Amino acid sequence: MAVKGTIGHRERQALATKKQVAGAARPLFAEQGYVATTIAAISEAAQIPAQTIYSAFGNKAAILREVARLWIVEADTRRLSDEALEVDDPAERLRRAAHWQVRQFETGYDIITIYQEAARTDPRMAAEMRTVWGFRERELEIFLASFSGQLAAGLALELALDILLTCTLAEVYRTLVLERGWSGEQYESWLADTLIAQLL
C-alpha cells in the first residue's frame, strides 16, 4: 500500500521520462528552432520511442511547457522573490529583485527565445505566452505593492510597474549581456542601481 504523499514506481518512471525528453528537446529547440524540431528528432536525441513521447506529452507544445517548468524549478525564482519580500530595506529588496531576474535569464534565456519563436507561428502558443507574461506582470505588481510608502514621491504604482517591466525586458538583457558583452554581475548591478534610482 502506497503511503499518502509519495509516488510509486510508475509515476517516478513517467517523471524521469518527461525530464529526459525535455532535456533532449531543449537544445534542439534552441539550435534548430521550435518549428523545425520534430518529435522524431527529439525521440532520437532522447533515445526514447516517439510513441512513448506522444503518450507522455501528446504534442510538441506540451514538451515545451515541461522544458519551461523545469527551468522555473532550476531558476528557483519563487523562493528568491519570497525572500526579497521579507527584506525591510527597499533598496536591498530591489537588489534582490535584480538578482532573481538575472538568475532567471542566466538559466533560461534560450527558453524565452524559443517561446517567442513558437508564438510567432502558433496562435495557441501566442495565447499561452500572453498568459505567462500576464502572470509575470501580476507577480511584479504584488512585489511593488510591498513598497507601500517607500516609492519615490508622486510615483504611481502603475508607472512603477511600467518601469520595472521595461528594465527587466529580455531584450535589454540580450543587448547588454549577449551582444555588448556585459557580465551577469555587471548587468545585475546596473539593473539594481537603475531600479533604485527610478523607483525610490
N, C-alpha and C. Protein backbone atom coordinates (compact mmCIF):
# COMPACT_ATOMS: atom_id res chain seq x y z
N MET A 1 0.85 -1.20 0.00
CA MET A 1 0.00 0.00 0.00
C MET A 1 0.88 1.25 0.00
N ALA A 2 0.59 2.17 -0.93
CA ALA A 2 1.40 3.38 -1.05
C ALA A 2 1.09 4.34 0.09
N VAL A 3 2.12 4.99 0.56
CA VAL A 3 1.95 5.99 1.62
C VAL A 3 1.47 7.29 0.98
N LYS A 4 0.48 7.91 1.59
CA LYS A 4 -0.06 9.17 1.06
C LYS A 4 1.04 10.22 0.98
N GLY A 5 1.11 10.90 -0.16
CA GLY A 5 2.12 11.93 -0.33
C GLY A 5 3.37 11.44 -1.05
N THR A 6 3.45 10.12 -1.28
CA THR A 6 4.57 9.57 -2.02
C THR A 6 4.10 9.14 -3.39
N ILE A 7 5.04 8.91 -4.30
CA ILE A 7 4.67 8.46 -5.63
C ILE A 7 5.26 7.09 -5.87
N GLY A 8 4.57 6.31 -6.67
CA GLY A 8 5.01 4.95 -6.94
C GLY A 8 6.05 4.88 -8.05
N HIS A 9 6.45 3.66 -8.34
CA HIS A 9 7.50 3.43 -9.34
C HIS A 9 7.08 3.95 -10.71
N ARG A 10 5.84 3.67 -11.11
CA ARG A 10 5.38 4.10 -12.43
C ARG A 10 5.39 5.62 -12.56
N GLU A 11 4.96 6.30 -11.49
CA GLU A 11 4.96 7.76 -11.52
C GLU A 11 6.37 8.30 -11.62
N ARG A 12 7.28 7.70 -10.85
CA ARG A 12 8.69 8.14 -10.91
C ARG A 12 9.26 7.89 -12.30
N GLN A 13 8.90 6.77 -12.88
CA GLN A 13 9.39 6.45 -14.23
C GLN A 13 8.84 7.44 -15.26
N ALA A 14 7.55 7.79 -15.10
CA ALA A 14 6.94 8.75 -16.03
C ALA A 14 7.60 10.12 -15.91
N LEU A 15 7.88 10.55 -14.67
CA LEU A 15 8.53 11.83 -14.46
C LEU A 15 9.95 11.83 -15.04
N ALA A 16 10.65 10.70 -14.86
CA ALA A 16 12.01 10.59 -15.39
C ALA A 16 12.00 10.64 -16.91
N THR A 17 10.99 10.00 -17.52
CA THR A 17 10.86 10.02 -18.97
C THR A 17 10.61 11.44 -19.47
N LYS A 18 9.72 12.15 -18.80
CA LYS A 18 9.42 13.53 -19.20
C LYS A 18 10.66 14.42 -19.07
N LYS A 19 11.39 14.22 -17.99
CA LYS A 19 12.60 15.02 -17.79
C LYS A 19 13.64 14.71 -18.86
N GLN A 20 13.77 13.46 -19.24
CA GLN A 20 14.73 13.06 -20.28
C GLN A 20 14.34 13.65 -21.63
N VAL A 21 13.05 13.60 -21.93
CA VAL A 21 12.57 14.15 -23.21
C VAL A 21 12.78 15.67 -23.24
N ALA A 22 12.42 16.34 -22.15
CA ALA A 22 12.59 17.80 -22.09
C ALA A 22 14.06 18.18 -22.20
N GLY A 23 14.92 17.40 -21.55
CA GLY A 23 16.35 17.68 -21.63
C GLY A 23 16.91 17.52 -23.02
N ALA A 24 16.36 16.58 -23.78
CA ALA A 24 16.80 16.39 -25.16
C ALA A 24 16.20 17.44 -26.10
N ALA A 25 14.96 17.84 -25.80
CA ALA A 25 14.26 18.80 -26.67
C ALA A 25 14.81 20.21 -26.56
N ARG A 26 15.21 20.60 -25.36
CA ARG A 26 15.62 22.00 -25.14
C ARG A 26 16.73 22.45 -26.08
N PRO A 27 17.86 21.74 -26.19
CA PRO A 27 18.90 22.21 -27.11
C PRO A 27 18.47 22.13 -28.58
N LEU A 28 17.61 21.17 -28.91
CA LEU A 28 17.12 21.10 -30.29
C LEU A 28 16.25 22.30 -30.61
N PHE A 29 15.35 22.66 -29.69
CA PHE A 29 14.52 23.84 -29.89
C PHE A 29 15.39 25.08 -30.06
N ALA A 30 16.44 25.19 -29.23
CA ALA A 30 17.30 26.37 -29.25
C ALA A 30 18.15 26.44 -30.52
N GLU A 31 18.67 25.30 -30.96
CA GLU A 31 19.59 25.29 -32.11
C GLU A 31 18.86 25.22 -33.45
N GLN A 32 17.82 24.39 -33.53
CA GLN A 32 17.13 24.19 -34.81
C GLN A 32 15.88 25.06 -34.94
N GLY A 33 15.37 25.52 -33.82
CA GLY A 33 14.12 26.26 -33.82
C GLY A 33 12.96 25.36 -33.42
N TYR A 34 11.98 25.96 -32.77
CA TYR A 34 10.82 25.19 -32.32
C TYR A 34 10.08 24.57 -33.49
N VAL A 35 9.86 25.35 -34.53
CA VAL A 35 9.08 24.87 -35.68
C VAL A 35 9.80 23.73 -36.38
N ALA A 36 11.10 23.87 -36.58
CA ALA A 36 11.85 22.87 -37.35
C ALA A 36 12.10 21.58 -36.58
N THR A 37 12.04 21.63 -35.27
CA THR A 37 12.30 20.44 -34.46
C THR A 37 11.10 19.51 -34.49
N THR A 38 11.33 18.26 -34.84
CA THR A 38 10.27 17.27 -34.92
C THR A 38 10.29 16.34 -33.71
N ILE A 39 9.16 15.69 -33.49
CA ILE A 39 9.10 14.68 -32.43
C ILE A 39 10.10 13.57 -32.73
N ALA A 40 10.27 13.24 -34.01
CA ALA A 40 11.22 12.20 -34.40
C ALA A 40 12.63 12.59 -33.97
N ALA A 41 12.99 13.85 -34.17
CA ALA A 41 14.33 14.31 -33.79
C ALA A 41 14.50 14.27 -32.27
N ILE A 42 13.46 14.65 -31.55
CA ILE A 42 13.51 14.60 -30.08
C ILE A 42 13.63 13.15 -29.62
N SER A 43 12.88 12.28 -30.29
CA SER A 43 12.92 10.85 -29.97
C SER A 43 14.33 10.30 -30.12
N GLU A 44 14.97 10.65 -31.21
CA GLU A 44 16.33 10.17 -31.46
C GLU A 44 17.31 10.72 -30.42
N ALA A 45 17.20 12.01 -30.12
CA ALA A 45 18.12 12.63 -29.16
C ALA A 45 17.91 12.08 -27.75
N ALA A 46 16.65 11.83 -27.40
CA ALA A 46 16.34 11.33 -26.06
C ALA A 46 16.51 9.83 -25.93
N GLN A 47 16.60 9.16 -27.09
CA GLN A 47 16.67 7.69 -27.13
C GLN A 47 15.44 7.07 -26.47
N ILE A 48 14.31 7.69 -26.79
CA ILE A 48 13.01 7.23 -26.31
C ILE A 48 12.09 7.12 -27.52
N PRO A 49 11.35 6.03 -27.68
CA PRO A 49 10.47 5.88 -28.84
C PRO A 49 9.49 7.03 -28.99
N ALA A 50 9.24 7.43 -30.23
CA ALA A 50 8.33 8.54 -30.49
C ALA A 50 6.95 8.28 -29.91
N GLN A 51 6.48 7.03 -29.97
CA GLN A 51 5.15 6.72 -29.44
C GLN A 51 5.08 6.95 -27.93
N THR A 52 6.18 6.65 -27.25
CA THR A 52 6.24 6.90 -25.81
C THR A 52 6.15 8.39 -25.53
N ILE A 53 6.82 9.18 -26.37
CA ILE A 53 6.78 10.63 -26.20
C ILE A 53 5.37 11.16 -26.44
N TYR A 54 4.71 10.66 -27.50
CA TYR A 54 3.33 11.08 -27.76
C TYR A 54 2.42 10.70 -26.61
N SER A 55 2.64 9.52 -26.03
CA SER A 55 1.81 9.07 -24.91
C SER A 55 2.03 9.94 -23.67
N ALA A 56 3.28 10.36 -23.47
CA ALA A 56 3.62 11.15 -22.28
C ALA A 56 3.17 12.60 -22.41
N PHE A 57 3.26 13.15 -23.62
CA PHE A 57 3.01 14.58 -23.82
C PHE A 57 1.82 14.91 -24.70
N GLY A 58 1.62 14.15 -25.74
CA GLY A 58 0.54 14.44 -26.67
C GLY A 58 0.96 15.28 -27.86
N ASN A 59 1.78 16.31 -27.60
CA ASN A 59 2.24 17.16 -28.70
C ASN A 59 3.51 17.91 -28.30
N LYS A 60 4.05 18.62 -29.26
CA LYS A 60 5.31 19.34 -29.06
C LYS A 60 5.15 20.51 -28.08
N ALA A 61 4.00 21.14 -28.10
CA ALA A 61 3.77 22.27 -27.19
C ALA A 61 3.88 21.83 -25.73
N ALA A 62 3.37 20.64 -25.44
CA ALA A 62 3.44 20.12 -24.07
C ALA A 62 4.88 19.85 -23.65
N ILE A 63 5.71 19.46 -24.61
CA ILE A 63 7.13 19.25 -24.31
C ILE A 63 7.76 20.58 -23.93
N LEU A 64 7.44 21.63 -24.68
CA LEU A 64 7.99 22.95 -24.37
C LEU A 64 7.52 23.42 -23.00
N ARG A 65 6.29 23.13 -22.64
CA ARG A 65 5.80 23.50 -21.31
C ARG A 65 6.61 22.80 -20.22
N GLU A 66 6.97 21.55 -20.45
CA GLU A 66 7.78 20.82 -19.47
C GLU A 66 9.19 21.40 -19.40
N VAL A 67 9.72 21.80 -20.55
CA VAL A 67 11.03 22.47 -20.56
C VAL A 67 10.96 23.73 -19.70
N ALA A 68 9.91 24.50 -19.87
CA ALA A 68 9.74 25.75 -19.11
C ALA A 68 9.54 25.45 -17.62
N ARG A 69 8.79 24.41 -17.30
CA ARG A 69 8.55 24.07 -15.89
C ARG A 69 9.86 23.71 -15.19
N LEU A 70 10.68 22.92 -15.87
CA LEU A 70 11.97 22.54 -15.29
C LEU A 70 12.89 23.75 -15.13
N TRP A 71 12.77 24.69 -16.07
CA TRP A 71 13.56 25.93 -15.97
C TRP A 71 13.19 26.72 -14.72
N ILE A 72 11.89 26.86 -14.48
CA ILE A 72 11.43 27.61 -13.31
C ILE A 72 11.91 26.95 -12.02
N VAL A 73 11.90 25.62 -12.00
CA VAL A 73 12.41 24.91 -10.83
C VAL A 73 13.89 25.19 -10.64
N GLU A 74 14.64 25.14 -11.75
CA GLU A 74 16.09 25.37 -11.70
C GLU A 74 16.40 26.80 -11.27
N ALA A 75 15.68 27.76 -11.81
CA ALA A 75 15.94 29.17 -11.50
C ALA A 75 15.62 29.49 -10.04
N ASP A 76 14.65 28.79 -9.47
CA ASP A 76 14.30 28.95 -8.05
C ASP A 76 13.84 30.37 -7.74
N THR A 77 13.20 31.01 -8.71
CA THR A 77 12.82 32.41 -8.54
C THR A 77 11.69 32.60 -7.53
N ARG A 78 10.84 31.59 -7.36
CA ARG A 78 9.76 31.73 -6.38
C ARG A 78 10.34 31.92 -4.98
N ARG A 79 11.30 31.09 -4.62
CA ARG A 79 11.93 31.22 -3.30
C ARG A 79 12.66 32.56 -3.19
N LEU A 80 13.38 32.94 -4.25
CA LEU A 80 14.14 34.19 -4.21
C LEU A 80 13.23 35.41 -4.08
N SER A 81 12.12 35.38 -4.78
CA SER A 81 11.19 36.52 -4.70
C SER A 81 10.51 36.56 -3.33
N ASP A 82 10.19 35.40 -2.79
CA ASP A 82 9.58 35.36 -1.45
C ASP A 82 10.56 35.91 -0.41
N GLU A 83 11.82 35.55 -0.55
CA GLU A 83 12.84 36.06 0.39
C GLU A 83 13.00 37.57 0.26
N ALA A 84 12.92 38.07 -0.98
CA ALA A 84 13.04 39.51 -1.21
C ALA A 84 11.92 40.27 -0.51
N LEU A 85 10.72 39.70 -0.53
CA LEU A 85 9.57 40.36 0.10
C LEU A 85 9.73 40.49 1.61
N GLU A 86 10.58 39.67 2.19
CA GLU A 86 10.79 39.72 3.64
C GLU A 86 11.83 40.75 4.06
N VAL A 87 12.51 41.36 3.08
CA VAL A 87 13.55 42.34 3.38
C VAL A 87 12.91 43.70 3.63
N ASP A 88 13.28 44.33 4.75
CA ASP A 88 12.68 45.62 5.11
C ASP A 88 13.23 46.78 4.28
N ASP A 89 14.53 46.79 4.05
CA ASP A 89 15.16 47.90 3.33
C ASP A 89 14.74 47.89 1.86
N PRO A 90 14.10 48.95 1.35
CA PRO A 90 13.60 48.95 -0.03
C PRO A 90 14.69 48.83 -1.09
N ALA A 91 15.84 49.46 -0.86
CA ALA A 91 16.93 49.36 -1.83
C ALA A 91 17.45 47.93 -1.92
N GLU A 92 17.59 47.28 -0.77
CA GLU A 92 18.05 45.89 -0.76
C GLU A 92 17.00 44.98 -1.40
N ARG A 93 15.73 45.30 -1.20
CA ARG A 93 14.67 44.50 -1.82
C ARG A 93 14.77 44.56 -3.35
N LEU A 94 15.09 45.75 -3.87
CA LEU A 94 15.25 45.89 -5.32
C LEU A 94 16.51 45.18 -5.81
N ARG A 95 17.56 45.18 -4.99
CA ARG A 95 18.76 44.44 -5.37
C ARG A 95 18.47 42.93 -5.42
N ARG A 96 17.64 42.47 -4.51
CA ARG A 96 17.23 41.06 -4.54
C ARG A 96 16.41 40.78 -5.80
N ALA A 97 15.57 41.73 -6.19
CA ALA A 97 14.78 41.56 -7.40
C ALA A 97 15.68 41.48 -8.63
N ALA A 98 16.70 42.34 -8.66
CA ALA A 98 17.66 42.31 -9.77
C ALA A 98 18.36 40.95 -9.82
N HIS A 99 18.68 40.41 -8.65
CA HIS A 99 19.36 39.12 -8.59
C HIS A 99 18.49 38.00 -9.14
N TRP A 100 17.21 37.96 -8.72
CA TRP A 100 16.38 36.86 -9.20
C TRP A 100 16.10 37.02 -10.71
N GLN A 101 16.07 38.27 -11.19
CA GLN A 101 15.87 38.46 -12.62
C GLN A 101 17.06 37.94 -13.42
N VAL A 102 18.26 38.24 -12.95
CA VAL A 102 19.47 37.74 -13.62
C VAL A 102 19.51 36.22 -13.58
N ARG A 103 19.15 35.66 -12.43
CA ARG A 103 19.11 34.21 -12.29
C ARG A 103 18.18 33.59 -13.32
N GLN A 104 17.03 34.23 -13.51
CA GLN A 104 16.05 33.73 -14.47
C GLN A 104 16.61 33.77 -15.90
N PHE A 105 17.25 34.86 -16.26
CA PHE A 105 17.81 34.98 -17.60
C PHE A 105 18.99 34.02 -17.82
N GLU A 106 19.86 33.94 -16.83
CA GLU A 106 21.05 33.10 -16.98
C GLU A 106 20.69 31.62 -17.12
N THR A 107 19.63 31.21 -16.49
CA THR A 107 19.25 29.80 -16.56
C THR A 107 18.27 29.49 -17.68
N GLY A 108 17.65 30.53 -18.29
CA GLY A 108 16.63 30.21 -19.27
C GLY A 108 16.37 31.21 -20.37
N TYR A 109 17.37 32.04 -20.71
CA TYR A 109 17.11 32.99 -21.80
C TYR A 109 16.75 32.26 -23.08
N ASP A 110 17.39 31.11 -23.32
CA ASP A 110 17.09 30.34 -24.53
C ASP A 110 15.62 29.93 -24.59
N ILE A 111 15.03 29.64 -23.44
CA ILE A 111 13.63 29.21 -23.42
C ILE A 111 12.71 30.38 -23.77
N ILE A 112 13.08 31.57 -23.33
CA ILE A 112 12.30 32.75 -23.69
C ILE A 112 12.29 32.92 -25.21
N THR A 113 13.44 32.79 -25.85
CA THR A 113 13.50 32.95 -27.31
C THR A 113 12.76 31.82 -28.02
N ILE A 114 12.79 30.62 -27.46
CA ILE A 114 12.04 29.50 -28.05
C ILE A 114 10.55 29.81 -28.01
N TYR A 115 10.06 30.30 -26.88
CA TYR A 115 8.65 30.65 -26.76
C TYR A 115 8.28 31.77 -27.73
N GLN A 116 9.17 32.74 -27.88
CA GLN A 116 8.88 33.85 -28.80
C GLN A 116 8.75 33.34 -30.23
N GLU A 117 9.62 32.41 -30.61
CA GLU A 117 9.51 31.84 -31.96
C GLU A 117 8.23 31.04 -32.11
N ALA A 118 7.93 30.21 -31.12
CA ALA A 118 6.72 29.39 -31.18
C ALA A 118 5.48 30.27 -31.27
N ALA A 119 5.48 31.39 -30.55
CA ALA A 119 4.33 32.29 -30.55
C ALA A 119 4.12 32.95 -31.90
N ARG A 120 5.19 33.15 -32.64
CA ARG A 120 5.07 33.78 -33.96
C ARG A 120 4.40 32.86 -34.97
N THR A 121 4.43 31.56 -34.73
CA THR A 121 3.93 30.62 -35.73
C THR A 121 2.71 29.83 -35.27
N ASP A 122 2.43 29.85 -33.97
CA ASP A 122 1.33 29.05 -33.42
C ASP A 122 0.45 29.94 -32.55
N PRO A 123 -0.78 30.23 -32.98
CA PRO A 123 -1.67 31.09 -32.21
C PRO A 123 -1.89 30.58 -30.78
N ARG A 124 -1.91 29.27 -30.60
CA ARG A 124 -2.11 28.72 -29.26
C ARG A 124 -0.93 29.04 -28.35
N MET A 125 0.27 28.96 -28.92
CA MET A 125 1.45 29.29 -28.14
C MET A 125 1.52 30.80 -27.87
N ALA A 126 1.04 31.60 -28.82
CA ALA A 126 0.99 33.05 -28.63
C ALA A 126 0.07 33.39 -27.46
N ALA A 127 -1.09 32.71 -27.41
CA ALA A 127 -2.03 32.93 -26.32
C ALA A 127 -1.43 32.48 -24.99
N GLU A 128 -0.71 31.38 -25.03
CA GLU A 128 -0.08 30.87 -23.81
C GLU A 128 1.00 31.83 -23.31
N MET A 129 1.76 32.39 -24.24
CA MET A 129 2.81 33.32 -23.85
C MET A 129 2.20 34.59 -23.25
N ARG A 130 1.09 35.05 -23.81
CA ARG A 130 0.42 36.22 -23.24
C ARG A 130 -0.06 35.93 -21.81
N THR A 131 -0.50 34.71 -21.59
CA THR A 131 -0.93 34.32 -20.25
C THR A 131 0.25 34.33 -19.28
N VAL A 132 1.38 33.80 -19.73
CA VAL A 132 2.59 33.76 -18.90
C VAL A 132 3.04 35.17 -18.57
N TRP A 133 3.09 36.05 -19.59
CA TRP A 133 3.52 37.43 -19.35
C TRP A 133 2.54 38.15 -18.42
N GLY A 134 1.24 37.83 -18.57
CA GLY A 134 0.25 38.43 -17.69
C GLY A 134 0.45 38.01 -16.24
N PHE A 135 0.77 36.73 -16.05
CA PHE A 135 1.05 36.23 -14.71
C PHE A 135 2.28 36.91 -14.14
N ARG A 136 3.31 37.07 -14.97
CA ARG A 136 4.54 37.74 -14.52
C ARG A 136 4.24 39.18 -14.11
N GLU A 137 3.42 39.85 -14.90
CA GLU A 137 3.09 41.24 -14.57
C GLU A 137 2.36 41.33 -13.24
N ARG A 138 1.45 40.40 -12.99
CA ARG A 138 0.73 40.41 -11.71
C ARG A 138 1.68 40.14 -10.54
N GLU A 139 2.64 39.23 -10.74
CA GLU A 139 3.61 38.94 -9.69
C GLU A 139 4.47 40.16 -9.38
N LEU A 140 4.87 40.89 -10.42
CA LEU A 140 5.68 42.09 -10.20
C LEU A 140 4.86 43.19 -9.54
N GLU A 141 3.58 43.24 -9.86
CA GLU A 141 2.70 44.23 -9.23
C GLU A 141 2.57 43.94 -7.73
N ILE A 142 2.46 42.66 -7.38
CA ILE A 142 2.41 42.27 -5.97
C ILE A 142 3.71 42.65 -5.28
N PHE A 143 4.83 42.43 -5.96
CA PHE A 143 6.13 42.79 -5.41
C PHE A 143 6.20 44.29 -5.14
N LEU A 144 5.77 45.09 -6.10
CA LEU A 144 5.82 46.54 -5.93
C LEU A 144 4.88 47.03 -4.85
N ALA A 145 3.79 46.31 -4.64
CA ALA A 145 2.84 46.70 -3.59
C ALA A 145 3.49 46.64 -2.21
N SER A 146 4.57 45.86 -2.10
CA SER A 146 5.27 45.76 -0.81
C SER A 146 6.04 47.04 -0.48
N PHE A 147 6.13 47.96 -1.44
CA PHE A 147 6.87 49.21 -1.24
C PHE A 147 5.92 50.34 -0.82
N SER A 148 4.81 50.00 -0.23
CA SER A 148 3.83 51.00 0.18
C SER A 148 4.49 52.10 1.01
N GLY A 149 4.41 53.34 0.50
CA GLY A 149 5.00 54.47 1.20
C GLY A 149 6.50 54.62 1.00
N GLN A 150 7.11 53.73 0.22
CA GLN A 150 8.56 53.77 0.02
C GLN A 150 8.98 54.16 -1.40
N LEU A 151 8.02 54.18 -2.32
CA LEU A 151 8.35 54.59 -3.69
C LEU A 151 8.59 56.10 -3.74
N ALA A 152 9.24 56.54 -4.81
CA ALA A 152 9.53 57.97 -4.96
C ALA A 152 8.25 58.79 -4.87
N ALA A 153 8.37 59.98 -4.34
CA ALA A 153 7.22 60.86 -4.16
C ALA A 153 6.52 61.08 -5.50
N GLY A 154 5.22 60.88 -5.52
CA GLY A 154 4.43 61.11 -6.72
C GLY A 154 4.46 59.97 -7.73
N LEU A 155 5.21 58.90 -7.44
CA LEU A 155 5.31 57.79 -8.39
C LEU A 155 4.16 56.82 -8.15
N ALA A 156 3.25 56.76 -9.12
CA ALA A 156 2.11 55.86 -9.02
C ALA A 156 2.56 54.42 -9.24
N LEU A 157 1.83 53.49 -8.64
CA LEU A 157 2.17 52.08 -8.75
C LEU A 157 2.18 51.63 -10.21
N GLU A 158 1.23 52.13 -11.00
CA GLU A 158 1.16 51.74 -12.42
C GLU A 158 2.41 52.16 -13.18
N LEU A 159 2.89 53.37 -12.92
CA LEU A 159 4.09 53.85 -13.59
C LEU A 159 5.32 53.07 -13.09
N ALA A 160 5.35 52.77 -11.80
CA ALA A 160 6.44 51.98 -11.24
C ALA A 160 6.50 50.61 -11.91
N LEU A 161 5.33 50.04 -12.16
CA LEU A 161 5.26 48.73 -12.82
C LEU A 161 5.77 48.84 -14.26
N ASP A 162 5.40 49.91 -14.94
CA ASP A 162 5.90 50.14 -16.31
C ASP A 162 7.42 50.17 -16.34
N ILE A 163 8.00 50.87 -15.38
CA ILE A 163 9.46 51.00 -15.30
C ILE A 163 10.10 49.65 -15.03
N LEU A 164 9.54 48.91 -14.08
CA LEU A 164 10.09 47.60 -13.73
C LEU A 164 10.00 46.63 -14.89
N LEU A 165 8.87 46.61 -15.56
CA LEU A 165 8.69 45.72 -16.71
C LEU A 165 9.67 46.06 -17.83
N THR A 166 9.88 47.35 -18.07
CA THR A 166 10.77 47.78 -19.15
C THR A 166 12.22 47.45 -18.84
N CYS A 167 12.64 47.72 -17.62
CA CYS A 167 14.03 47.46 -17.25
C CYS A 167 14.38 45.98 -17.24
N THR A 168 13.37 45.13 -17.07
CA THR A 168 13.63 43.70 -17.00
C THR A 168 13.21 42.96 -18.27
N LEU A 169 13.08 43.69 -19.37
CA LEU A 169 12.79 43.04 -20.65
C LEU A 169 13.93 42.11 -21.05
N ALA A 170 13.59 40.98 -21.64
CA ALA A 170 14.61 40.05 -22.12
C ALA A 170 15.50 40.70 -23.17
N GLU A 171 14.92 41.63 -23.94
CA GLU A 171 15.69 42.30 -24.99
C GLU A 171 16.80 43.17 -24.41
N VAL A 172 16.56 43.74 -23.23
CA VAL A 172 17.60 44.53 -22.57
C VAL A 172 18.75 43.63 -22.13
N TYR A 173 18.40 42.50 -21.55
CA TYR A 173 19.43 41.53 -21.14
C TYR A 173 20.23 41.06 -22.36
N ARG A 174 19.52 40.75 -23.43
CA ARG A 174 20.20 40.29 -24.65
C ARG A 174 21.17 41.34 -25.17
N THR A 175 20.73 42.59 -25.22
CA THR A 175 21.58 43.66 -25.74
C THR A 175 22.83 43.85 -24.90
N LEU A 176 22.65 43.94 -23.58
CA LEU A 176 23.78 44.25 -22.71
C LEU A 176 24.70 43.06 -22.47
N VAL A 177 24.15 41.89 -22.25
CA VAL A 177 24.96 40.73 -21.89
C VAL A 177 25.39 39.92 -23.11
N LEU A 178 24.44 39.55 -23.95
CA LEU A 178 24.76 38.66 -25.06
C LEU A 178 25.38 39.38 -26.26
N GLU A 179 25.01 40.65 -26.44
CA GLU A 179 25.54 41.38 -27.60
C GLU A 179 26.67 42.34 -27.22
N ARG A 180 26.55 43.03 -26.10
CA ARG A 180 27.56 44.00 -25.71
C ARG A 180 28.64 43.42 -24.80
N GLY A 181 28.45 42.20 -24.36
CA GLY A 181 29.48 41.51 -23.60
C GLY A 181 29.55 41.80 -22.12
N TRP A 182 28.48 42.38 -21.55
CA TRP A 182 28.48 42.60 -20.10
C TRP A 182 28.45 41.25 -19.38
N SER A 183 29.03 41.21 -18.21
CA SER A 183 28.92 40.01 -17.38
C SER A 183 27.57 40.04 -16.68
N GLY A 184 27.16 38.88 -16.15
CA GLY A 184 25.92 38.83 -15.39
C GLY A 184 25.97 39.74 -14.19
N GLU A 185 27.16 39.84 -13.56
CA GLU A 185 27.33 40.70 -12.39
C GLU A 185 27.16 42.17 -12.76
N GLN A 186 27.73 42.57 -13.93
CA GLN A 186 27.57 43.95 -14.38
C GLN A 186 26.11 44.29 -14.64
N TYR A 187 25.43 43.37 -15.31
CA TYR A 187 24.02 43.60 -15.62
C TYR A 187 23.19 43.69 -14.34
N GLU A 188 23.45 42.80 -13.41
CA GLU A 188 22.71 42.80 -12.15
C GLU A 188 22.93 44.11 -11.39
N SER A 189 24.17 44.57 -11.34
CA SER A 189 24.49 45.82 -10.64
C SER A 189 23.81 47.00 -11.32
N TRP A 190 23.87 47.04 -12.65
CA TRP A 190 23.22 48.12 -13.40
C TRP A 190 21.72 48.10 -13.17
N LEU A 191 21.12 46.91 -13.23
CA LEU A 191 19.68 46.79 -13.07
C LEU A 191 19.26 47.25 -11.67
N ALA A 192 19.99 46.81 -10.67
CA ALA A 192 19.65 47.21 -9.29
C ALA A 192 19.79 48.71 -9.11
N ASP A 193 20.89 49.29 -9.60
CA ASP A 193 21.10 50.75 -9.46
C ASP A 193 20.02 51.53 -10.20
N THR A 194 19.66 51.05 -11.38
CA THR A 194 18.64 51.74 -12.19
C THR A 194 17.29 51.69 -11.50
N LEU A 195 16.92 50.52 -10.99
CA LEU A 195 15.64 50.41 -10.31
C LEU A 195 15.59 51.27 -9.05
N ILE A 196 16.67 51.29 -8.31
CA ILE A 196 16.71 52.12 -7.11
C ILE A 196 16.57 53.60 -7.46
N ALA A 197 17.30 54.03 -8.50
CA ALA A 197 17.26 55.44 -8.91
C ALA A 197 15.87 55.83 -9.46
N GLN A 198 15.22 54.91 -10.14
CA GLN A 198 13.95 55.22 -10.79
C GLN A 198 12.73 55.06 -9.86
N LEU A 199 12.83 54.16 -8.91
CA LEU A 199 11.65 53.82 -8.13
C LEU A 199 11.64 54.38 -6.70
N LEU A 200 12.81 54.65 -6.15
CA LEU A 200 12.86 55.10 -4.75
C LEU A 200 13.14 56.59 -4.61
